[in-house]
Protein backbone atom coordinates (compact mmCIF):
# COMPACT_ATOMS: atom_id res chain seq x y z
CA MET A 1 44.34 -36.12 43.42
CA ARG A 2 40.85 -36.52 43.23
CA ARG A 3 40.37 -36.93 38.71
CA ALA A 4 36.93 -37.21 36.84
CA VAL A 5 35.98 -37.75 33.80
CA CYS A 6 33.16 -35.53 31.78
CA PRO A 7 32.78 -38.11 28.54
CA GLY A 8 30.05 -36.59 26.32
CA SER A 9 30.66 -36.03 22.20
CA PHE A 10 29.20 -32.29 22.72
CA ASP A 11 28.34 -31.27 19.23
CA PRO A 12 27.85 -28.61 21.05
CA ILE A 13 28.31 -28.20 24.85
CA HIS A 14 24.53 -26.86 26.00
CA LYS A 15 24.33 -24.45 29.25
CA GLY A 16 22.75 -28.45 30.62
CA HIS A 17 26.63 -30.02 30.05
CA ILE A 18 28.07 -26.53 31.48
CA GLU A 19 26.36 -26.89 34.36
CA ILE A 20 27.05 -30.48 35.49
CA ILE A 21 30.88 -30.44 34.59
CA ALA A 22 31.32 -27.37 36.87
CA ARG A 23 28.67 -29.39 39.75
CA ALA A 24 31.92 -31.78 38.71
CA SER A 25 34.68 -29.21 38.94
CA SER A 26 33.54 -28.54 42.53
CA LEU A 27 33.65 -32.05 43.63
CA PHE A 28 37.05 -33.44 42.25
CA ASP A 29 40.05 -31.63 42.09
CA GLU A 30 40.05 -31.61 38.60
CA VAL A 31 38.63 -32.40 35.43
CA VAL A 32 38.69 -34.26 32.15
CA VAL A 33 36.12 -33.08 29.58
CA ALA A 34 36.29 -36.26 26.88
CA VAL A 35 35.24 -35.36 23.90
CA SER A 36 34.48 -38.14 22.34
CA THR A 37 33.60 -38.77 18.11
CA ASN A 38 30.33 -41.60 17.93
CA TYR A 39 30.86 -42.51 14.82
CA SER A 40 27.37 -43.43 14.67
CA LYS A 41 26.17 -40.33 14.61
CA ARG A 42 27.11 -37.35 12.56
CA HIS A 43 28.32 -34.92 13.82
CA ARG A 44 27.45 -30.93 12.81
CA PHE A 45 30.97 -29.28 14.38
CA SER A 46 34.45 -31.42 14.15
CA GLU A 47 35.83 -32.58 17.08
CA GLU A 48 38.64 -29.76 16.69
CA GLU A 49 35.54 -27.33 16.90
CA ARG A 50 33.91 -29.07 19.35
CA ILE A 51 36.99 -28.49 21.37
CA ALA A 52 37.74 -25.22 21.44
CA MET A 53 34.21 -24.33 21.91
CA ILE A 54 34.46 -26.23 25.44
CA THR A 55 37.80 -25.11 26.14
CA GLU A 56 36.26 -21.71 25.04
CA THR A 57 33.64 -21.51 27.13
CA LEU A 58 34.94 -23.03 29.95
CA THR A 59 38.06 -21.11 30.06
CA GLY A 60 36.88 -19.50 34.05
CA LEU A 61 36.15 -22.97 35.62
CA ARG A 62 39.31 -23.85 37.72
CA GLY A 63 41.06 -28.10 36.81
CA ILE A 64 39.83 -28.42 33.76
CA SER A 65 41.01 -29.38 31.27
CA VAL A 66 39.26 -31.45 27.25
CA LEU A 67 41.27 -33.95 25.77
CA PRO A 68 39.98 -35.83 22.40
CA MET A 69 38.41 -39.63 23.81
CA GLY A 70 39.87 -41.29 21.22
CA ASP A 71 38.61 -44.75 19.47
CA GLY A 72 38.73 -46.79 22.40
CA LEU A 73 36.71 -48.21 25.63
CA LEU A 74 35.92 -44.93 28.06
CA ALA A 75 36.43 -47.41 30.54
CA ASP A 76 40.44 -47.66 29.72
CA PHE A 77 40.74 -43.39 28.83
CA CYS A 78 39.95 -42.69 32.56
CA ARG A 79 42.79 -46.58 33.84
CA ASP A 80 45.55 -43.77 31.02
CA ALA A 81 44.25 -40.61 32.88
CA GLY A 82 44.51 -41.74 36.22
CA ALA A 83 41.09 -41.37 36.61
CA ASP A 84 38.46 -41.53 39.80
CA ALA A 85 35.48 -41.48 38.11
CA ILE A 86 33.56 -40.62 35.76
CA VAL A 87 30.41 -37.92 36.00
CA LYS A 88 27.51 -38.11 33.41
CA GLY A 89 24.75 -36.10 34.26
CA LEU A 90 21.47 -37.27 33.93
CA ARG A 91 18.46 -35.59 32.70
CA SER A 92 15.77 -38.35 33.59
CA THR A 93 15.28 -41.95 34.99
CA ALA A 94 15.37 -42.65 30.67
CA ASP A 95 18.98 -41.46 30.64
CA TYR A 96 20.29 -43.59 33.56
CA GLN A 97 18.10 -46.59 32.37
CA TYR A 98 20.57 -46.10 30.05
CA GLU A 99 23.48 -45.15 32.18
CA VAL A 100 23.00 -47.90 34.64
CA PRO A 101 24.64 -51.03 32.62
CA MET A 102 27.43 -49.19 31.08
CA ALA A 103 28.18 -47.88 34.74
CA ALA A 104 28.67 -51.65 36.26
CA MET A 105 31.40 -52.35 33.21
CA ASN A 106 33.24 -49.62 33.35
CA ARG A 107 33.70 -50.58 36.47
CA HIS A 108 34.42 -54.00 35.77
CA LEU A 109 36.58 -53.32 33.31
CA THR A 110 39.08 -50.83 34.74
CA GLY A 111 37.41 -50.42 38.71
CA VAL A 112 36.72 -47.33 37.60
CA GLU A 113 32.75 -45.81 39.64
CA THR A 114 30.81 -43.51 38.34
CA VAL A 115 29.48 -40.40 39.91
CA PHE A 116 25.72 -39.39 38.33
CA LEU A 117 25.21 -36.33 38.91
CA LEU A 118 20.97 -35.04 38.81
CA ALA A 119 20.38 -31.94 35.80
CA ASP A 120 18.73 -28.22 37.33
CA ASN A 121 15.45 -28.94 36.27
CA LYS A 122 16.01 -25.84 34.11
CA TYR A 123 17.45 -27.96 31.35
CA THR A 124 16.48 -31.54 31.96
CA HIS A 125 14.72 -31.32 28.21
CA LEU A 126 18.04 -30.22 26.64
CA SER A 127 19.61 -32.50 24.06
CA SER A 128 22.62 -31.74 21.83
CA SER A 129 20.06 -32.51 18.89
CA LEU A 130 17.31 -30.80 19.77
CA LEU A 131 18.74 -27.78 20.11
CA ARG A 132 20.89 -28.43 16.78
CA GLU A 133 16.99 -28.67 14.74
CA VAL A 134 15.53 -25.60 16.14
CA GLN A 135 18.55 -23.64 15.79
CA ALA A 136 18.93 -25.50 11.92
CA LEU A 137 14.54 -24.96 11.28
CA GLY A 138 15.69 -21.31 12.87
CA GLY A 139 14.29 -21.38 16.21
CA ASP A 140 15.89 -18.97 19.27
CA VAL A 141 18.38 -21.38 20.69
CA GLU A 142 19.91 -17.88 22.48
CA ASP A 143 19.26 -18.81 26.33
CA TYR A 144 20.86 -22.61 25.78
CA LEU A 145 24.02 -22.38 24.49
CA PRO A 146 26.91 -20.31 25.30
CA ARG A 147 28.83 -17.22 23.03
CA ALA A 148 31.56 -19.96 21.86
CA VAL A 149 28.33 -21.89 20.00
CA LEU A 150 26.27 -18.99 19.01
CA ASN A 151 29.19 -17.34 16.92
CA ARG A 152 30.17 -20.22 15.36
CA PHE A 153 26.57 -20.98 14.43
CA ARG A 154 25.93 -16.78 13.96
CA ASP A 155 29.14 -17.73 11.16
CA GLU A 156 28.13 -20.13 8.60
CA PRO A 157 26.54 -19.11 6.00
C-alpha cells in the first residue's frame, strides 16, 4: 500500500488545499493529512478545530485520515506513519524555491520523497492567511472555503 502525507497548518483549510489532497488521493492508496502547529504563527483556529474542519470537509474522499503532526520533524512523522511520500502543492516559483531545500533535507533524513503537485490556476492566489484577513475585514470568502470553515466563521461573535 502506498501512503503519502499532506502536511500543513490548514488555518483554515481552503479549496486550494482540498484540490491538492483530492488529487493526492487518486495517486496514493492512503493520504494522511498531517495538521501541524507552527509556533511562530498565531493560529486563528485551534489544532482540534482545524482537525474537525478538515475531517468534516474531506468525508467524501477515500483513503484519507487526519492526524495531528505533533512536535518534531516532518521526516520523522512520515517514517513513523510508514509514508512513501510527502505531497506538497505549488502555487508559484516562490513556493518551489521554498520547498526544494526542505524536500532535499527530508529525503536526506529518512529517505522520504516529496511529490509536487501544481495548484489549479483558480487557486494560485489563495493562502489561509489572506483568506483570514479578508474575512476579518468583512470581505466575501465564500467561494474559497468549505462549509465547515464558513460555519465556524459565522458562529463567532
